Protein backbone atom coordinates (compact mmCIF):
# COMPACT_ATOMS: atom_id res chain seq x y z
CA MET A 1 -0.14 0.11 0.06
CA GLN A 2 2.75 2.50 1.01
CA VAL A 3 4.80 1.78 -2.20
CA GLY A 4 1.72 2.45 -4.30
CA LEU A 5 0.51 5.64 -2.35
CA VAL A 6 4.20 7.06 -2.40
CA SER A 7 4.55 6.36 -6.34
CA TRP A 8 1.27 7.89 -7.00
CA GLY A 9 2.00 10.97 -5.22
CA VAL A 10 5.43 11.40 -6.83
CA TYR A 11 3.52 11.12 -10.27
CA LEU A 12 1.24 13.94 -9.32
CA ASP A 13 4.05 16.03 -7.92
CA GLU A 14 5.44 15.58 -11.26
CA VAL A 15 2.12 16.97 -13.16
CA ASN A 16 1.56 19.37 -10.40
CA ARG A 17 4.81 20.90 -10.82
CA PRO A 18 4.30 23.67 -13.18
CA ALA A 19 1.74 25.50 -10.90
CA PHE A 20 3.27 24.49 -7.56
CA VAL A 21 6.89 24.72 -8.20
CA GLU A 22 7.42 26.05 -4.81
CA VAL A 23 5.66 23.52 -3.20
CA THR A 24 6.75 20.38 -4.75
CA GLY A 25 10.25 21.27 -5.58
CA SER A 26 12.18 19.20 -8.26
CA LEU A 27 11.89 15.79 -9.22
CA ALA A 28 14.80 14.69 -7.21
CA THR A 29 13.23 16.20 -4.21
CA SER A 30 10.16 14.29 -4.45
CA LEU A 31 12.04 10.94 -5.36
CA LEU A 32 14.53 11.22 -2.55
CA ALA A 33 11.36 12.11 -0.17
CA ALA A 34 9.85 8.67 -1.47
CA LEU A 35 13.01 6.88 -0.89
CA SER A 36 13.10 8.21 2.78
CA VAL A 37 9.67 7.15 3.18
CA LEU A 38 9.84 3.72 1.75
CA VAL A 39 13.23 2.40 3.74
CA PHE A 40 11.25 2.22 6.98
CA PRO A 41 8.53 -0.45 5.70
CA ALA A 42 11.36 -2.33 3.81
CA MET A 43 13.76 -2.47 6.92
CA GLY A 44 10.48 -3.20 9.18
CA ALA A 45 9.57 -5.90 6.64
CA VAL A 46 12.93 -7.68 6.78
CA ILE A 47 13.01 -7.57 10.67
CA VAL A 48 9.65 -9.08 10.98
CA ILE A 49 10.33 -11.77 8.48
CA ARG A 50 13.47 -12.95 10.66
CA ARG A 51 11.98 -11.68 14.03
CA PRO A 52 8.27 -11.84 13.78
CA ASP A 53 8.12 -11.51 17.60
CA HIS A 54 9.92 -8.16 17.96
CA LEU A 55 7.89 -4.99 18.34
CA ILE A 56 10.26 -2.83 16.69
CA GLY A 57 9.74 -4.42 13.19
CA TRP A 58 6.21 -3.86 13.47
CA LEU A 59 6.51 -0.30 14.15
CA LEU A 60 8.99 0.28 11.19
CA VAL A 61 6.28 -1.42 9.09
CA VAL A 62 3.50 1.15 10.19
CA SER A 63 5.39 3.98 10.86
CA GLN A 64 5.22 5.73 7.78
CA VAL A 65 1.87 5.04 6.59
CA GLY A 66 0.59 8.35 7.95
CA TRP A 67 3.44 10.26 5.78
CA ALA A 68 2.36 8.28 2.75
CA ILE A 69 -1.21 8.99 2.89
CA ASN A 70 -0.38 12.59 3.75
CA ASN A 71 1.94 12.72 0.84
CA TRP A 72 -0.41 11.15 -1.82
CA ALA A 73 -3.41 13.13 -0.47
CA GLY A 74 -1.69 16.46 -0.76
CA ALA A 75 -0.60 15.93 -4.14
CA TYR A 76 -3.98 14.62 -5.46
CA ALA A 77 -6.01 17.69 -3.79
CA ARG A 78 -3.30 19.99 -5.49
CA TYR A 79 -3.99 18.15 -8.58
CA GLY A 80 -7.79 18.50 -8.39
CA THR A 81 -7.41 22.42 -7.76
CA THR A 82 -5.85 22.82 -11.27
CA GLN A 83 -8.55 20.98 -13.00
CA PRO A 84 -11.57 22.59 -14.60
CA SER A 85 -14.03 20.60 -12.46
CA LEU A 86 -12.93 18.82 -8.90
CA PRO A 87 -12.34 15.15 -9.61
CA PRO A 88 -13.90 12.39 -7.32
CA GLY A 89 -12.42 11.97 -3.77
CA PHE A 90 -11.22 15.74 -3.72
CA ASP A 91 -12.83 16.48 -0.38
CA LEU A 92 -11.66 13.00 1.04
CA ALA A 93 -8.04 14.07 -0.16
CA VAL A 94 -8.14 17.29 1.31
CA TRP A 95 -9.06 15.76 4.67
CA LEU A 96 -6.55 12.76 4.64
CA TYR A 97 -3.97 15.57 4.33
CA THR A 98 -4.65 17.31 7.57
CA TRP A 99 -4.26 14.54 10.12
CA PRO A 100 -2.34 11.45 9.25
CA GLY A 101 1.22 12.67 9.47
CA LEU A 102 0.68 13.32 13.14
CA LEU A 103 0.15 9.73 13.75
CA SER A 104 3.48 8.54 11.89
CA VAL A 105 5.37 11.05 14.23
CA GLY A 106 3.69 9.17 17.33
CA THR A 107 5.09 6.29 16.13
CA LEU A 108 8.60 7.47 15.38
CA VAL A 109 8.46 8.62 19.25
CA LEU A 110 7.30 5.05 20.07
CA LEU A 111 10.25 3.87 18.12
CA MET A 112 12.61 6.04 20.09
CA LEU A 113 11.18 5.18 23.51
CA LEU A 114 10.99 1.45 22.86
CA PHE A 115 14.53 0.83 20.92
CA PRO A 116 16.12 -1.92 20.82
CA SER A 117 14.16 -4.24 23.21
CA GLY A 118 10.44 -3.15 22.41
CA ARG A 119 9.90 -2.33 26.12
CA PRO A 120 10.38 0.56 27.99
CA ALA A 121 13.50 1.29 29.92
CA SER A 122 11.46 1.56 33.37
CA ARG A 123 7.64 2.34 34.28
CA TRP A 124 8.19 6.14 34.15
CA TRP A 125 9.11 5.85 30.41
CA GLY A 126 6.25 3.10 29.88
CA GLY A 127 3.83 6.05 31.08
CA MET A 128 5.75 8.25 28.39
CA ALA A 129 5.05 5.96 26.11
CA TRP A 130 1.22 5.95 26.86
CA THR A 131 1.18 9.46 26.80
CA VAL A 132 2.70 9.50 23.26
CA VAL A 133 -0.14 7.10 22.02
CA ALA A 134 -2.95 9.44 23.61
CA SER A 135 -1.39 12.72 22.17
CA SER A 136 -1.00 11.45 18.91
CA LEU A 137 -4.76 10.06 18.74
CA MET A 138 -5.97 13.30 20.43
CA GLY A 139 -3.94 15.50 18.10
CA ALA A 140 -5.00 13.70 14.81
CA LEU A 141 -8.62 14.02 16.09
CA ALA A 142 -8.27 17.64 16.51
CA PHE A 143 -6.70 18.29 13.13
CA ALA A 144 -9.10 15.92 11.30
CA PHE A 145 -12.18 17.85 12.50
CA ALA A 146 -10.94 21.50 13.08
CA SER A 147 -12.85 24.25 11.27
CA GLY A 148 -10.94 26.68 8.96
CA PRO A 149 -8.47 26.54 6.01
CA VAL A 150 -6.01 23.93 5.33
CA ASP A 151 -2.13 25.05 5.84
CA ASP A 152 -1.55 27.11 2.85
CA THR A 153 2.13 26.32 3.00
CA SER A 154 0.79 23.15 0.99
CA GLY A 155 -0.51 25.06 -1.92
CA LEU A 156 -3.95 24.16 -0.87
CA GLU A 157 -6.12 27.34 -0.08
CA VAL A 158 -9.26 25.48 0.71
CA ALA A 159 -11.25 24.76 3.89
CA ASN A 160 -11.50 21.30 5.85
CA PRO A 161 -14.31 19.64 4.16
CA TYR A 162 -14.92 17.64 7.29
CA GLY A 163 -14.35 20.39 9.92
CA ALA A 164 -16.97 20.32 13.08
CA PRO A 165 -19.41 23.36 12.72
CA GLY A 166 -19.74 26.18 15.23
CA ALA A 167 -17.82 26.46 18.41
CA LEU A 168 -16.74 22.84 18.57
CA GLY A 169 -14.89 23.39 15.19
CA ASP A 170 -13.11 26.54 16.28
CA ALA A 171 -12.23 24.72 19.65
CA LEU A 172 -10.46 22.14 17.70
CA ALA A 173 -8.61 24.21 15.51
CA MET A 174 -7.03 26.09 18.81
CA VAL A 175 -5.94 22.68 20.05
CA ALA A 176 -4.46 21.42 16.55
CA GLY A 177 -1.48 24.05 16.50
CA PRO A 178 -0.60 23.07 19.93
CA ALA A 179 -0.92 19.35 19.68
CA PHE A 180 1.73 19.45 16.95
CA PHE A 181 4.25 21.40 18.81
CA TRP A 182 3.46 19.11 21.61
CA MET A 183 4.22 16.14 19.47
CA ILE A 184 7.55 17.85 18.54
CA ALA A 185 8.52 18.19 22.25
CA LEU A 186 7.70 14.59 23.02
CA LEU A 187 10.12 13.63 20.03
CA ALA A 188 12.80 15.52 21.40
CA VAL A 189 12.12 14.03 25.11
CA SER A 190 12.34 10.38 23.34
CA ILE A 191 15.68 11.30 21.75
CA GLY A 192 16.92 12.41 25.39
CA SER A 193 15.76 8.78 26.32
CA VAL A 194 17.84 6.97 23.90
CA VAL A 195 20.99 8.83 25.13
CA ILE A 196 20.17 8.01 28.69
CA ARG A 197 19.41 4.26 27.73
CA GLN A 198 22.75 3.95 26.13
CA ARG A 199 24.43 5.38 29.16
CA ARG A 200 22.87 2.65 31.31
CA ALA A 201 23.06 -0.27 28.92
CA ALA A 202 25.78 -2.57 28.88
CA GLY A 203 26.77 -5.58 26.36
CA LEU A 204 24.76 -6.32 23.07
CA GLU A 205 22.34 -3.57 24.19
CA ARG A 206 24.78 -1.00 24.47
CA LEU A 207 26.02 -1.78 21.09
CA GLN A 208 22.63 -1.68 19.42
CA LEU A 209 21.88 1.79 21.10
CA ARG A 210 25.26 2.94 19.98
CA TRP A 211 24.28 2.27 16.18
CA PHE A 212 20.68 3.94 17.01
CA THR A 213 22.16 7.27 18.79
CA SER A 214 24.73 7.81 16.01
CA ALA A 215 21.89 7.58 13.78
CA VAL A 216 19.91 10.00 15.49
CA GLY A 217 22.41 12.42 16.01
CA LEU A 218 23.24 12.25 12.31
CA VAL A 219 19.92 13.10 11.42
CA VAL A 220 19.22 15.96 13.98
CA VAL A 221 22.37 17.50 12.38
CA LEU A 222 21.35 17.30 8.81
CA VAL A 223 17.56 18.34 9.79
CA VAL A 224 18.90 21.20 11.44
CA ALA A 225 21.38 22.46 8.69
CA GLN A 226 18.42 22.03 6.19
CA GLY A 227 16.24 24.18 8.41
CA LEU A 228 19.01 26.75 8.47
CA VAL A 229 19.55 26.82 4.59
CA PHE A 230 15.41 27.52 4.12
CA LEU A 231 15.73 29.96 6.62
CA ARG A 232 18.52 31.69 4.62
CA TYR A 233 16.70 31.00 1.15
CA GLU A 234 13.19 31.46 0.94
CA SER A 235 12.59 29.79 -2.21
CA SER A 236 13.98 26.56 -3.07
CA SER A 237 14.51 27.07 -6.69
CA ALA A 238 16.83 29.87 -5.64
CA LEU A 239 19.18 27.44 -3.60
CA PRO A 240 22.84 27.45 -4.71
CA PRO A 241 24.34 24.12 -5.29
CA TRP A 242 25.97 23.72 -1.94
CA ALA A 243 22.70 24.66 -0.24
CA ALA A 244 20.76 22.21 -2.70
CA VAL A 245 23.09 19.17 -1.28
CA ILE A 246 22.20 20.19 2.20
CA SER A 247 18.63 20.01 1.39
CA TYR A 248 18.68 16.61 -0.38
CA LEU A 249 20.73 15.26 2.66
CA GLY A 250 17.98 16.69 5.15
CA ILE A 251 15.36 15.06 2.94
CA VAL A 252 16.82 11.75 3.01
CA SER A 253 18.32 11.77 6.31
CA SER A 254 15.42 10.20 8.18
CA GLY A 255 16.11 6.58 5.96
CA VAL A 256 19.50 6.30 8.15
CA LEU A 257 17.14 5.52 11.02
CA PRO A 258 15.80 2.09 9.77
CA LEU A 259 19.17 1.13 8.43
CA ALA A 260 20.67 1.42 11.87
CA VAL A 261 17.58 -0.32 13.47
CA GLY A 262 18.14 -3.20 11.06
CA ILE A 263 21.82 -3.49 11.71
CA ALA A 264 21.16 -3.58 15.35
CA ILE A 265 18.56 -5.87 15.53
CA LEU A 266 19.58 -8.54 12.80
CA ARG A 267 23.27 -8.58 13.48
CA TYR A 268 24.12 -10.38 16.35
CA ARG A 269 27.94 -9.76 16.30
CA LEU A 270 27.61 -6.01 15.46
CA TYR A 271 29.80 -4.10 12.94
CA GLU A 272 32.56 -2.15 14.43
CA ILE A 273 30.40 1.05 15.04
CA ASP A 274 33.58 3.18 16.52
CA ARG A 275 35.53 2.51 13.70
CA ILE A 276 33.00 3.68 11.21
CA VAL A 277 32.69 6.83 13.52
CA ASN A 278 36.30 7.25 13.84
CA ARG A 279 36.79 6.97 9.98
CA THR A 280 34.05 9.46 9.52
CA LEU A 281 35.50 11.89 11.77
CA VAL A 282 38.95 11.62 10.18
CA TYR A 283 38.06 11.85 6.65
CA ALA A 284 35.27 14.96 7.27
CA ALA A 285 38.10 16.90 9.13
CA LEU A 286 40.43 15.62 6.27
CA THR A 287 38.23 16.76 3.36
CA GLY A 288 37.69 20.13 4.89
CA LEU A 289 41.44 20.84 5.42
CA LEU A 290 42.39 19.76 2.00
CA ALA A 291 39.30 21.95 0.68
CA MET A 292 40.41 25.03 2.59
CA VAL A 293 44.10 24.22 1.07
CA TYR A 294 42.86 23.94 -2.52
CA VAL A 295 40.80 27.03 -2.39
CA GLY A 296 43.45 29.15 -0.35
CA SER A 297 46.50 27.99 -2.78
CA VAL A 298 44.43 28.64 -5.72
CA VAL A 299 43.13 32.23 -4.81
CA VAL A 300 46.90 33.20 -3.66
CA LEU A 301 48.80 31.48 -6.52
CA GLY A 302 46.09 32.68 -8.74
CA GLY A 303 46.60 36.21 -7.75
CA LEU A 304 50.56 35.61 -8.17
CA LEU A 305 50.76 34.03 -11.32
CA ARG A 306 47.55 35.45 -12.96
CA PRO A 307 49.83 38.58 -14.30
CA VAL A 308 52.66 36.42 -15.61
CA THR A 309 50.70 33.44 -17.31
CA GLY A 310 47.25 35.48 -17.70
CA SER A 311 45.11 32.23 -16.62
CA ASN A 312 44.46 30.29 -13.38
CA ASP A 313 45.69 27.07 -15.11
CA LEU A 314 48.98 27.01 -13.27
CA ALA A 315 47.68 27.76 -10.04
CA VAL A 316 44.92 25.02 -10.42
CA ALA A 317 47.59 22.60 -11.49
CA GLY A 318 49.88 23.33 -8.43
CA SER A 319 47.12 23.14 -6.03
CA THR A 320 46.28 20.01 -7.09
CA LEU A 321 49.73 18.44 -6.73
CA ALA A 322 49.95 20.19 -3.44
CA VAL A 323 46.79 18.83 -2.24
CA ALA A 324 47.90 15.24 -3.17
CA ALA A 325 51.12 15.75 -1.77
CA LEU A 326 49.54 16.75 1.58
CA PHE A 327 46.80 13.70 1.76
CA SER A 328 48.82 11.12 3.50
CA PRO A 329 51.04 13.08 6.04
CA LEU A 330 47.67 15.25 7.07
CA ARG A 331 45.59 12.05 7.14
CA ARG A 332 48.06 10.60 9.71
CA ARG A 333 47.95 14.02 11.50
CA VAL A 334 44.47 14.18 11.70
CA GLN A 335 44.32 10.22 12.60
CA GLY A 336 46.42 10.76 15.44
CA PHE A 337 44.52 13.80 16.62
CA VAL A 338 41.16 11.96 16.77
CA ASP A 339 42.43 8.92 18.56
CA ARG A 340 44.40 10.92 21.16
CA ARG A 341 41.06 13.07 21.41
CA PHE A 342 38.08 10.59 21.16
CA TYR A 343 39.52 7.30 21.67
CA ARG A 344 42.12 7.70 23.97
CA ARG A 345 42.18 4.22 25.48
CA ARG A 346 42.85 2.81 22.06
CA TYR A 347 45.29 5.19 21.19
CA ASP A 348 47.22 4.50 24.39
CA ALA A 349 46.82 0.82 23.86
CA ALA A 350 48.36 1.28 20.10
CA ARG A 351 51.02 3.15 21.48
CA THR A 352 52.11 0.48 24.17
CA VAL A 353 52.13 -2.14 21.34
CA GLU A 354 54.26 0.03 19.15
CA VAL A 355 56.79 0.53 22.22
CA PHE A 356 56.65 -2.99 22.99
CA SER A 357 57.84 -3.88 19.63
CA GLU A 358 60.45 -1.46 19.58
CA LEU A 359 62.03 -3.38 22.75
CA ARG A 360 62.05 -6.84 20.88
CA ASP A 361 65.19 -5.97 18.95
CA GLN A 362 66.79 -4.91 22.21
CA VAL A 363 69.66 -7.24 23.41
CA ALA A 364 71.25 -5.45 26.15
CA LEU A 365 69.78 -6.49 29.12
CA GLU A 366 70.40 -3.08 31.43
CA THR A 367 68.60 -0.92 28.42
CA LEU A 368 65.62 -3.34 27.68
CA THR A 369 65.01 -3.68 31.89
CA ARG A 370 65.24 0.35 31.88
CA ASP A 371 62.85 0.56 28.63
CA LEU A 372 60.49 -2.07 30.12
CA ARG A 373 59.89 -0.22 33.29
CA ALA A 374 59.40 3.27 31.67
CA VAL A 375 56.69 1.46 29.28
CA VAL A 376 54.84 -0.05 32.39
CA GLN A 377 55.26 2.97 34.49
CA GLU A 378 53.55 5.36 31.80
CA THR A 379 50.87 2.90 30.73
CA LEU A 380 49.77 1.43 33.79
CA GLN A 381 51.31 4.03 36.63
CA PRO A 382 51.67 1.37 39.41
CA ALA A 383 53.04 2.20 42.75
CA SER A 384 56.30 0.52 42.07
CA VAL A 385 57.79 -1.54 39.22
CA SER A 386 60.16 -4.63 39.48
CA VAL A 387 61.43 -6.90 36.79
CA TRP A 388 62.30 -10.72 37.61
CA LEU A 389 64.39 -12.40 34.82
CA ARG A 390 64.61 -15.97 35.03
CA GLU A 391 68.15 -17.45 35.41
CA PRO A 392 69.10 -19.46 32.24
CA ARG A 393 69.39 -23.16 32.38
CA ARG A 394 72.99 -24.48 32.72
């Protein structure tokens, strides 16, 4: 069902694009949004097949049904406003655009609260889970029957066709707005619960939560960056290339969550998440430094050589060679800095192994004893160090 709704929505967005380009964006935007929605049920189906008793798999399967309905309904309603006469089901599409998305937000909050075991971490968090269920149902009910116009940012300047009449509809409209922000606040609390749960977990659960918290942190960073881009540029069609890349990453960022959940649940011996995070930090910093070196050298060398050569070709070639020469030594320095700053225990262990490997070739007994004492003293910092050597057999 979700595949059909999302595919139909993408098609309708493409039909609507000439009239609603500011709302629908580009074809790439529609396809990436569709991909981020469909990753959830796809990974949920894989988990359900392998682990049918696991609640998290079922939550992933149903978590994006609301957004799939919402996206299709909005696209169909926008399509209806461009036709000479309203197509069949237009009022139903407008109504379905108003409320199912909030249920998906509630399901995502539950996923945060119940991962990885499918049970809350304590009775208090269990009460929070029931609060999320009640809040999402009440909020969806308020949106479904609130009177007044549908959100005009979607391009739909029409009233809710099934809004309650009179004072009841007005009261529901007053509740609908705060209900959405209340769900966002619950989402923030659920993210905090994931962090707290990881700090208290041990063993396999801690490894599972490490994958999940890493994915959640990445999603938060990309979504915040996307929001800052849209605050800076009012029109999506006016985005420069770098801002468009950030926008695309923000759109597909939510798809990282089900991938992390699938790895955490289905992989008994988990992949080395620390190594992935370590490499991400190293190469992200290395890319930024090399980019600054390249741009700076192009600007400086271009300013110096342009009067002589009349072009920037020589500056570009020189900058490329400089970046190629700096790659290996700079990568080693960045790797060392990241290990010292974020992976101190592993760095100390590597240094110890390196020093011991150097002692292997030492043949002078007094020098070997002195160096061995120094290594143990620096690494373990004991109160005293003594070395006992067995007498050789005669």
